[in-house]
């Protein structure tokens, strides 16, 4: 069975990417879905204890993965979920390799060519870090 990774960050475009995958399943396509969110890696220091960082990660994970829309789509897709920490583009590409995914689906904020060139984007970086097809949903 084909494995598809969907990267979400709590934004409307990432919710649309999840809906896109749900629509594909509703049309009869069969696949195994992996829903991934990547939180920045925060290291404890004198201003932030490990306990505080763990609480922030739990809060952010709950905000993204606990969203009613996300929960419903995860259930409909029968998806596996994973929360990763680190650089989003690196972690998405690496997890797709580890899970042997054949496709990555993710939202894009639609910065346009100039905005994407100046600011960069996670989607652009993922495209450069993976050899599987990447479907971008606006």
N, C-alpha and C. Protein backbone atom coordinates (compact mmCIF):
# COMPACT_ATOMS: atom_id res chain seq x y z
N UNK A 1 0.85 -1.18 0.00
CA UNK A 1 0.00 0.00 0.00
C UNK A 1 0.89 1.24 0.00
N UNK A 2 0.51 2.23 -0.77
CA UNK A 2 1.25 3.48 -0.85
C UNK A 2 1.17 4.23 0.47
N UNK A 3 2.29 4.81 0.87
CA UNK A 3 2.35 5.61 2.09
C UNK A 3 2.50 7.08 1.72
N UNK A 4 1.66 7.92 2.36
CA UNK A 4 1.68 9.35 2.07
C UNK A 4 1.86 10.11 3.37
N UNK A 5 2.81 11.03 3.39
CA UNK A 5 3.03 11.89 4.55
C UNK A 5 2.33 13.22 4.32
N UNK A 6 1.62 13.69 5.34
CA UNK A 6 1.00 15.02 5.29
C UNK A 6 1.62 15.83 6.42
N UNK A 7 2.22 16.95 6.06
CA UNK A 7 2.84 17.83 7.06
C UNK A 7 1.85 18.92 7.43
N UNK A 8 1.61 19.09 8.73
CA UNK A 8 0.69 20.13 9.17
C UNK A 8 1.37 21.02 10.20
N UNK A 9 0.92 22.27 10.24
CA UNK A 9 1.48 23.21 11.21
C UNK A 9 0.40 24.04 11.91
N UNK A 10 -0.85 23.64 11.72
CA UNK A 10 -1.95 24.37 12.34
C UNK A 10 -2.52 25.48 11.48
N UNK A 11 -1.91 25.75 10.35
CA UNK A 11 -2.38 26.82 9.46
C UNK A 11 -3.53 26.34 8.58
N UNK A 12 -4.26 27.30 8.01
CA UNK A 12 -5.35 26.94 7.09
C UNK A 12 -4.84 26.16 5.89
N UNK A 13 -3.71 26.55 5.27
CA UNK A 13 -3.22 25.74 4.15
C UNK A 13 -2.92 24.29 4.54
N UNK A 14 -2.41 24.08 5.76
CA UNK A 14 -2.13 22.68 6.14
C UNK A 14 -3.42 21.91 6.39
N UNK A 15 -4.46 22.60 6.87
CA UNK A 15 -5.76 21.94 7.01
C UNK A 15 -6.32 21.59 5.63
N UNK A 16 -6.10 22.48 4.66
CA UNK A 16 -6.56 22.17 3.29
C UNK A 16 -5.80 20.97 2.72
N UNK A 17 -4.53 20.82 3.08
CA UNK A 17 -3.76 19.66 2.62
C UNK A 17 -4.35 18.37 3.19
N UNK A 18 -4.75 18.41 4.46
CA UNK A 18 -5.41 17.25 5.06
C UNK A 18 -6.74 16.94 4.37
N UNK A 19 -7.51 17.99 4.11
CA UNK A 19 -8.80 17.79 3.42
C UNK A 19 -8.58 17.20 2.03
N UNK A 20 -7.56 17.69 1.34
CA UNK A 20 -7.23 17.18 0.01
C UNK A 20 -7.00 15.67 0.07
N UNK A 21 -6.25 15.23 1.08
CA UNK A 21 -5.98 13.80 1.21
C UNK A 21 -7.26 13.04 1.55
N UNK A 22 -8.10 13.62 2.39
CA UNK A 22 -9.38 12.99 2.73
C UNK A 22 -10.26 12.86 1.49
N UNK A 23 -10.24 13.87 0.62
CA UNK A 23 -11.01 13.81 -0.63
C UNK A 23 -10.50 12.69 -1.52
N UNK A 24 -9.19 12.51 -1.58
CA UNK A 24 -8.63 11.43 -2.38
C UNK A 24 -9.11 10.07 -1.85
N UNK A 25 -9.13 9.93 -0.54
CA UNK A 25 -9.59 8.68 0.06
C UNK A 25 -11.08 8.47 -0.23
N UNK A 26 -11.87 9.55 -0.15
CA UNK A 26 -13.31 9.46 -0.42
C UNK A 26 -13.58 9.03 -1.86
N UNK A 27 -12.67 9.36 -2.78
CA UNK A 27 -12.82 8.95 -4.18
C UNK A 27 -12.38 7.50 -4.40
N UNK A 28 -11.95 6.84 -3.32
CA UNK A 28 -11.61 5.42 -3.44
C UNK A 28 -10.14 5.11 -3.51
N UNK A 29 -9.29 6.10 -3.42
CA UNK A 29 -7.85 5.84 -3.45
C UNK A 29 -7.44 5.18 -2.13
N UNK A 30 -6.58 4.19 -2.21
CA UNK A 30 -6.13 3.53 -0.99
C UNK A 30 -4.68 3.90 -0.71
N UNK A 31 -4.42 4.23 0.53
CA UNK A 31 -3.07 4.61 0.96
C UNK A 31 -3.03 4.57 2.48
N UNK A 32 -1.81 4.61 3.00
CA UNK A 32 -1.59 4.71 4.44
C UNK A 32 -1.09 6.13 4.70
N UNK A 33 -1.77 6.86 5.57
CA UNK A 33 -1.43 8.27 5.82
C UNK A 33 -0.62 8.43 7.10
N UNK A 34 0.37 9.28 7.01
CA UNK A 34 1.21 9.65 8.15
C UNK A 34 1.11 11.17 8.31
N UNK A 35 0.54 11.62 9.41
CA UNK A 35 0.38 13.06 9.65
C UNK A 35 1.46 13.49 10.63
N UNK A 36 2.27 14.46 10.18
CA UNK A 36 3.43 14.89 10.94
C UNK A 36 3.37 16.39 11.19
N UNK A 37 3.72 16.78 12.41
CA UNK A 37 3.93 18.20 12.70
C UNK A 37 5.32 18.33 13.30
N UNK A 38 5.99 19.44 13.01
CA UNK A 38 7.35 19.65 13.48
C UNK A 38 7.39 20.92 14.32
N UNK A 39 7.82 20.76 15.56
CA UNK A 39 7.97 21.90 16.46
C UNK A 39 9.45 22.27 16.53
N UNK A 40 9.74 23.55 16.73
CA UNK A 40 11.16 23.94 16.82
C UNK A 40 11.81 23.29 18.04
N UNK A 41 13.07 22.99 17.88
CA UNK A 41 13.81 22.39 19.00
C UNK A 41 14.27 23.52 19.93
N UNK A 42 13.89 23.40 21.17
CA UNK A 42 14.26 24.40 22.17
C UNK A 42 15.11 23.69 23.21
N UNK A 43 16.28 24.22 23.45
CA UNK A 43 17.16 23.60 24.43
C UNK A 43 17.05 24.32 25.77
N UNK A 44 17.04 23.55 26.84
CA UNK A 44 16.99 24.19 28.16
C UNK A 44 18.20 25.09 28.38
N UNK A 45 17.99 26.17 29.05
CA UNK A 45 19.08 27.06 29.43
C UNK A 45 18.71 27.73 30.74
N UNK A 46 19.39 28.77 31.10
CA UNK A 46 19.11 29.38 32.40
C UNK A 46 17.77 30.10 32.44
N UNK A 47 17.17 30.37 31.27
CA UNK A 47 15.88 31.06 31.22
C UNK A 47 14.70 30.11 31.04
N UNK A 48 14.96 28.92 30.53
CA UNK A 48 13.88 27.97 30.26
C UNK A 48 14.28 26.57 30.72
N UNK A 49 13.58 26.07 31.71
CA UNK A 49 13.88 24.74 32.23
C UNK A 49 13.31 23.67 31.29
N UNK A 50 13.77 22.44 31.45
CA UNK A 50 13.24 21.34 30.65
C UNK A 50 11.74 21.17 30.90
N UNK A 51 11.33 21.34 32.13
CA UNK A 51 9.90 21.22 32.48
C UNK A 51 9.07 22.27 31.74
N UNK A 52 9.57 23.49 31.68
CA UNK A 52 8.87 24.56 30.96
C UNK A 52 8.79 24.24 29.47
N UNK A 53 9.91 23.79 28.90
CA UNK A 53 9.96 23.47 27.47
C UNK A 53 8.99 22.33 27.16
N UNK A 54 8.97 21.30 28.01
CA UNK A 54 8.03 20.19 27.82
C UNK A 54 6.59 20.67 27.83
N UNK A 55 6.27 21.63 28.73
CA UNK A 55 4.91 22.18 28.81
C UNK A 55 4.57 22.94 27.53
N UNK A 56 5.52 23.70 27.00
CA UNK A 56 5.30 24.45 25.76
C UNK A 56 5.07 23.49 24.60
N UNK A 57 5.88 22.45 24.52
CA UNK A 57 5.73 21.46 23.45
C UNK A 57 4.37 20.78 23.54
N UNK A 58 3.96 20.41 24.74
CA UNK A 58 2.65 19.77 24.93
C UNK A 58 1.54 20.72 24.51
N UNK A 59 1.65 21.99 24.90
CA UNK A 59 0.64 22.99 24.53
C UNK A 59 0.55 23.15 23.02
N UNK A 60 1.71 23.29 22.37
CA UNK A 60 1.72 23.50 20.92
C UNK A 60 1.23 22.26 20.17
N UNK A 61 1.62 21.08 20.65
CA UNK A 61 1.16 19.84 20.02
C UNK A 61 -0.35 19.71 20.13
N UNK A 62 -0.88 20.02 21.32
CA UNK A 62 -2.32 19.95 21.53
C UNK A 62 -3.04 20.95 20.63
N UNK A 63 -2.48 22.14 20.48
CA UNK A 63 -3.10 23.16 19.64
C UNK A 63 -3.16 22.71 18.18
N UNK A 64 -2.12 22.04 17.71
CA UNK A 64 -2.07 21.63 16.29
C UNK A 64 -2.82 20.32 16.08
N UNK A 65 -2.45 19.29 16.81
CA UNK A 65 -3.02 17.96 16.59
C UNK A 65 -4.38 17.79 17.25
N UNK A 66 -4.69 18.62 18.26
CA UNK A 66 -5.96 18.49 18.97
C UNK A 66 -7.08 19.31 18.35
N UNK A 67 -6.78 20.05 17.31
CA UNK A 67 -7.79 20.83 16.60
C UNK A 67 -8.90 19.90 16.11
N UNK A 68 -10.13 20.32 16.25
CA UNK A 68 -11.28 19.46 15.89
C UNK A 68 -11.21 19.01 14.43
N UNK A 69 -10.85 19.92 13.54
CA UNK A 69 -10.75 19.57 12.11
C UNK A 69 -9.69 18.49 11.91
N UNK A 70 -8.54 18.69 12.53
CA UNK A 70 -7.45 17.73 12.39
C UNK A 70 -7.86 16.38 12.98
N UNK A 71 -8.43 16.39 14.17
CA UNK A 71 -8.84 15.14 14.81
C UNK A 71 -9.83 14.36 13.95
N UNK A 72 -10.79 15.07 13.35
CA UNK A 72 -11.79 14.40 12.51
C UNK A 72 -11.14 13.80 11.26
N UNK A 73 -10.24 14.56 10.65
CA UNK A 73 -9.60 14.06 9.43
C UNK A 73 -8.63 12.92 9.73
N UNK A 74 -7.93 12.99 10.87
CA UNK A 74 -7.05 11.89 11.27
C UNK A 74 -7.88 10.62 11.42
N UNK A 75 -9.02 10.76 12.06
CA UNK A 75 -9.89 9.59 12.26
C UNK A 75 -10.40 9.06 10.93
N UNK A 76 -10.87 9.95 10.05
CA UNK A 76 -11.37 9.52 8.74
C UNK A 76 -10.29 8.83 7.91
N UNK A 77 -9.07 9.32 8.02
CA UNK A 77 -7.99 8.75 7.23
C UNK A 77 -7.39 7.50 7.88
N UNK A 78 -7.69 7.28 9.15
CA UNK A 78 -7.05 6.17 9.86
C UNK A 78 -5.55 6.38 9.89
N UNK A 79 -5.15 7.63 10.09
CA UNK A 79 -3.75 8.03 9.95
C UNK A 79 -2.92 7.79 11.19
N UNK A 80 -1.63 7.63 10.97
CA UNK A 80 -0.64 7.61 12.04
C UNK A 80 -0.25 9.06 12.27
N UNK A 81 -0.01 9.47 13.51
CA UNK A 81 0.42 10.83 13.79
C UNK A 81 1.77 10.82 14.48
N UNK A 82 2.55 11.85 14.21
CA UNK A 82 3.88 11.94 14.80
C UNK A 82 4.22 13.41 15.00
N UNK A 83 4.76 13.72 16.18
CA UNK A 83 5.26 15.06 16.46
C UNK A 83 6.78 14.98 16.51
N UNK A 84 7.42 15.80 15.70
CA UNK A 84 8.87 15.83 15.62
C UNK A 84 9.38 17.19 16.09
N UNK A 85 10.64 17.27 16.44
CA UNK A 85 11.24 18.56 16.79
C UNK A 85 12.48 18.77 15.94
N UNK A 86 12.70 20.02 15.58
CA UNK A 86 13.88 20.36 14.78
C UNK A 86 13.50 21.27 13.63
N UNK A 87 14.34 21.28 12.61
CA UNK A 87 14.10 22.07 11.40
C UNK A 87 12.98 21.38 10.61
N UNK A 88 11.88 22.08 10.33
CA UNK A 88 10.74 21.43 9.67
C UNK A 88 11.08 20.73 8.35
N UNK A 89 11.81 21.40 7.47
CA UNK A 89 12.08 20.77 6.17
C UNK A 89 12.95 19.53 6.32
N UNK A 90 13.96 19.59 7.18
CA UNK A 90 14.82 18.43 7.40
C UNK A 90 14.04 17.27 8.01
N UNK A 91 13.23 17.57 9.02
CA UNK A 91 12.49 16.52 9.71
C UNK A 91 11.42 15.89 8.82
N UNK A 92 10.73 16.70 8.02
CA UNK A 92 9.71 16.16 7.11
C UNK A 92 10.35 15.22 6.10
N UNK A 93 11.43 15.66 5.48
CA UNK A 93 12.11 14.82 4.47
C UNK A 93 12.67 13.55 5.11
N UNK A 94 13.27 13.68 6.29
CA UNK A 94 13.86 12.51 6.95
C UNK A 94 12.78 11.52 7.38
N UNK A 95 11.66 12.02 7.92
CA UNK A 95 10.59 11.11 8.34
C UNK A 95 9.97 10.41 7.13
N UNK A 96 9.81 11.12 6.04
CA UNK A 96 9.27 10.51 4.82
C UNK A 96 10.16 9.36 4.36
N UNK A 97 11.48 9.56 4.47
CA UNK A 97 12.41 8.47 4.12
C UNK A 97 12.26 7.29 5.08
N UNK A 98 12.27 7.58 6.38
CA UNK A 98 12.18 6.51 7.39
C UNK A 98 10.88 5.72 7.27
N UNK A 99 9.78 6.41 6.99
CA UNK A 99 8.48 5.74 6.89
C UNK A 99 8.23 5.16 5.49
N UNK A 100 9.20 5.36 4.60
CA UNK A 100 9.10 4.87 3.21
C UNK A 100 7.86 5.43 2.50
N UNK A 101 7.62 6.72 2.68
CA UNK A 101 6.48 7.37 2.03
C UNK A 101 6.81 7.60 0.56
N UNK A 102 5.79 7.49 -0.28
CA UNK A 102 5.95 7.67 -1.73
C UNK A 102 5.51 9.05 -2.18
N UNK A 103 4.96 9.84 -1.24
CA UNK A 103 4.50 11.18 -1.57
C UNK A 103 4.43 12.00 -0.29
N UNK A 104 4.64 13.31 -0.45
CA UNK A 104 4.47 14.25 0.65
C UNK A 104 3.42 15.26 0.21
N UNK A 105 2.45 15.52 1.08
CA UNK A 105 1.41 16.52 0.81
C UNK A 105 1.54 17.58 1.89
N UNK A 106 1.56 18.84 1.47
CA UNK A 106 1.65 19.91 2.45
C UNK A 106 1.05 21.19 1.91
N UNK A 107 0.65 22.05 2.82
CA UNK A 107 0.09 23.33 2.44
C UNK A 107 1.19 24.32 2.14
N UNK A 108 0.83 25.35 1.41
CA UNK A 108 1.76 26.43 1.13
C UNK A 108 1.05 27.73 1.40
N UNK A 109 1.75 28.67 1.91
CA UNK A 109 1.14 29.95 2.25
C UNK A 109 1.04 30.88 1.04
N UNK A 110 1.55 30.45 -0.11
CA UNK A 110 1.40 31.24 -1.33
C UNK A 110 2.14 32.56 -1.28
N UNK A 111 3.41 32.53 -0.92
CA UNK A 111 4.19 33.76 -0.87
C UNK A 111 4.49 34.31 -2.26
N UNK A 112 4.38 33.50 -3.27
CA UNK A 112 4.74 33.93 -4.62
C UNK A 112 6.22 33.71 -4.85
N UNK A 113 6.64 33.87 -6.09
CA UNK A 113 8.03 33.58 -6.45
C UNK A 113 9.01 34.48 -5.71
N UNK A 114 8.75 35.76 -5.67
CA UNK A 114 9.68 36.69 -5.02
C UNK A 114 9.72 36.46 -3.52
N UNK A 115 8.55 36.35 -2.89
CA UNK A 115 8.51 36.12 -1.44
C UNK A 115 9.19 34.82 -1.06
N UNK A 116 8.94 33.77 -1.84
CA UNK A 116 9.58 32.49 -1.59
C UNK A 116 11.08 32.54 -1.76
N UNK A 117 11.53 33.33 -2.76
CA UNK A 117 12.96 33.43 -3.02
C UNK A 117 13.65 34.20 -1.88
N UNK A 118 13.03 35.26 -1.42
CA UNK A 118 13.65 36.08 -0.38
C UNK A 118 13.56 35.40 0.98
N UNK A 119 12.38 34.93 1.35
CA UNK A 119 12.15 34.37 2.67
C UNK A 119 12.43 32.88 2.74
N UNK A 120 12.38 32.22 1.61
CA UNK A 120 12.47 30.76 1.61
C UNK A 120 11.15 30.22 2.13
N UNK A 121 10.96 28.94 2.07
CA UNK A 121 9.75 28.34 2.62
C UNK A 121 10.05 26.89 2.93
N UNK A 122 9.30 26.37 3.87
CA UNK A 122 9.47 24.96 4.23
C UNK A 122 9.20 24.09 3.01
N UNK A 123 8.15 24.42 2.25
CA UNK A 123 7.80 23.62 1.06
C UNK A 123 8.95 23.59 0.07
N UNK A 124 9.55 24.73 -0.21
CA UNK A 124 10.67 24.79 -1.15
C UNK A 124 11.84 23.95 -0.65
N UNK A 125 12.13 24.05 0.63
CA UNK A 125 13.24 23.29 1.20
C UNK A 125 12.96 21.79 1.17
N UNK A 126 11.71 21.40 1.42
CA UNK A 126 11.36 19.98 1.36
C UNK A 126 11.57 19.47 -0.06
N UNK A 127 11.16 20.25 -1.06
CA UNK A 127 11.35 19.85 -2.45
C UNK A 127 12.81 19.53 -2.75
N UNK A 128 13.71 20.30 -2.16
CA UNK A 128 15.14 20.10 -2.40
C UNK A 128 15.74 18.96 -1.58
N UNK A 129 15.04 18.54 -0.53
CA UNK A 129 15.60 17.53 0.37
C UNK A 129 15.02 16.13 0.17
N UNK A 130 14.09 15.98 -0.74
CA UNK A 130 13.48 14.67 -0.93
C UNK A 130 13.48 14.29 -2.40
N UNK A 131 13.36 13.01 -2.65
CA UNK A 131 13.28 12.55 -4.05
C UNK A 131 11.91 11.96 -4.36
N UNK A 132 10.93 12.16 -3.46
CA UNK A 132 9.57 11.70 -3.72
C UNK A 132 8.73 12.89 -4.17
N UNK A 133 7.64 12.65 -4.88
CA UNK A 133 6.78 13.76 -5.30
C UNK A 133 6.22 14.52 -4.10
N UNK A 134 6.15 15.83 -4.24
CA UNK A 134 5.57 16.70 -3.21
C UNK A 134 4.38 17.42 -3.81
N UNK A 135 3.21 17.23 -3.21
CA UNK A 135 2.00 17.91 -3.66
C UNK A 135 1.78 19.09 -2.74
N UNK A 136 1.72 20.29 -3.32
CA UNK A 136 1.51 21.51 -2.54
C UNK A 136 0.07 21.95 -2.71
N UNK A 137 -0.59 22.22 -1.59
CA UNK A 137 -2.00 22.62 -1.59
C UNK A 137 -2.08 24.05 -1.09
N UNK A 138 -2.76 24.91 -1.87
CA UNK A 138 -2.90 26.32 -1.46
C UNK A 138 -4.19 26.56 -0.75
